Every structure is written in C-alpha cells, then in structure tokens.
Amino acid sequence: MVRPGDAQGEVKPRLSNVKVNRNRTTSENPRTVRMTPAEKVMCSGLADDIQALTTKTITGSTVLRAALYLARESGPEKMLEMIKEYL
C-alpha cells in the first residue's frame, strides 16, 4: 500500500506539540526554596485555589514563578516593604 502524497499547498498537521510547547524549565537545575510549614501550606492552598479556576496544572512552583513576575511589576520598593512586613 502506498500513501498518497500531500496536496499542493496542504499543511501537514503535527502529531505532537512537544516541539511547539517545550517545557523551558526542565533543562535548568532545580532551585531549592526554603519555606516554613505555614508558607508551604499557604503556597499549596493558593495553588489549589488557582487550579480550581483553570484546567492547566498549577503547582507550588508555578505559583512561585508567577510571583516573580508580579514582584517585578510592583517594583523593588514594594518588595522591600513586603519583606520587612512578613519576613
């Protein structure tokens, strides 16, 4: 049996989207983040709350990475204020 060739101008569909949506964090070495038990519970609870709003898998790591972008938007002065108040 011979497979027919593609029609002129036809785009071949991808069998997988691995190359398109490659996970950019797997090639990096893991970073250790030390948290108190209360902070771990807070992070897990926030991840669960966000997970309830979406079908995308949300982990504590995802929450912390998103927090970096929020921190960058708020600026170093606001971050220093939060560090002094909570840490």
Protein backbone atom coordinates (compact mmCIF):
# COMPACT_ATOMS: atom_id res chain seq x y z
CA MET A 1 0.00 0.00 0.00
CA VAL A 2 1.36 3.39 -0.97
CA ARG A 3 0.46 6.54 0.92
CA PRO A 4 -0.72 9.33 -1.37
CA GLY A 5 1.37 12.50 -1.41
CA ASP A 6 0.24 15.76 0.17
CA ALA A 7 -1.94 18.01 -1.92
CA GLN A 8 -0.39 21.20 -3.25
CA GLY A 9 -0.38 23.89 -0.53
CA GLU A 10 -1.59 21.49 2.15
CA VAL A 11 -0.09 21.93 5.61
CA LYS A 12 0.83 18.70 7.38
CA PRO A 13 -0.66 18.52 10.89
CA ARG A 14 1.73 17.80 13.74
CA LEU A 15 1.35 14.51 15.54
CA SER A 16 2.65 16.09 18.73
CA ASN A 17 3.05 19.59 20.10
CA VAL A 18 6.18 18.76 22.14
CA LYS A 19 8.47 20.90 19.99
CA VAL A 20 5.92 23.73 19.89
CA ASN A 21 5.20 23.85 23.63
CA ARG A 22 8.51 22.63 25.02
CA ASN A 23 8.82 22.90 28.79
CA ARG A 24 11.51 25.53 29.29
CA THR A 25 12.24 24.65 32.92
CA THR A 26 13.33 21.03 32.53
CA SER A 27 16.77 21.91 31.20
CA GLU A 28 17.60 24.04 34.26
CA ASN A 29 18.96 22.75 37.55
CA PRO A 30 16.32 22.79 40.31
CA ARG A 31 16.48 25.65 42.79
CA THR A 32 15.96 24.94 46.47
CA VAL A 33 13.47 27.26 48.12
CA ARG A 34 13.26 27.03 51.89
CA MET A 35 9.85 27.75 53.38
CA THR A 36 8.31 27.38 56.81
CA PRO A 37 5.49 24.85 57.18
CA ALA A 38 2.97 27.72 57.26
CA GLU A 39 4.39 29.12 54.00
CA LYS A 40 4.19 25.67 52.38
CA VAL A 41 0.53 25.39 53.39
CA MET A 42 -0.12 28.92 52.08
CA CYS A 43 1.56 28.10 48.76
CA SER A 44 -0.33 24.82 48.41
CA GLY A 45 -3.65 26.49 49.24
CA LEU A 46 -3.04 29.25 46.72
CA ALA A 47 -2.12 26.68 44.06
CA ASP A 48 -5.36 24.79 44.81
CA ASP A 49 -7.41 28.00 44.57
CA ILE A 50 -5.86 28.87 41.21
CA GLN A 51 -6.21 25.26 39.99
CA ALA A 52 -9.97 25.48 40.62
CA LEU A 53 -10.14 28.31 38.06
CA THR A 54 -8.35 26.52 35.21
CA THR A 55 -7.67 23.17 33.58
CA LYS A 56 -3.92 23.86 33.46
CA THR A 57 -1.91 22.07 36.15
CA ILE A 58 -0.89 24.57 38.83
CA THR A 59 1.83 23.62 41.30
CA GLY A 60 3.59 25.47 44.09
CA SER A 61 6.48 26.01 41.70
CA THR A 62 4.13 27.63 39.17
CA VAL A 63 2.78 29.94 41.88
CA LEU A 64 6.30 31.00 42.92
CA ARG A 65 7.34 31.62 39.31
CA ALA A 66 4.22 33.74 38.73
CA ALA A 67 5.01 35.65 41.93
CA LEU A 68 8.36 36.67 40.42
CA TYR A 69 6.56 38.40 37.55
CA LEU A 70 4.15 40.11 39.96
CA ALA A 71 7.10 41.25 42.08
CA ARG A 72 8.86 42.69 39.04
CA GLU A 73 5.72 44.66 38.12
CA SER A 74 5.27 46.05 41.64
CA GLY A 75 8.88 47.22 41.88
CA PRO A 76 11.72 46.77 44.38
CA GLU A 77 10.35 49.30 46.89
CA LYS A 78 7.09 47.37 47.30
CA MET A 79 9.04 44.10 47.56
CA LEU A 80 11.27 45.51 50.28
CA GLU A 81 8.16 46.69 52.15
CA MET A 82 6.66 43.17 51.95
CA ILE A 83 9.93 41.58 53.09
CA LYS A 84 10.13 43.88 56.11
CA GLU A 85 6.48 43.27 56.99
CA TYR A 86 6.22 39.50 56.54
CA LEU A 87 9.73 38.04 56.61
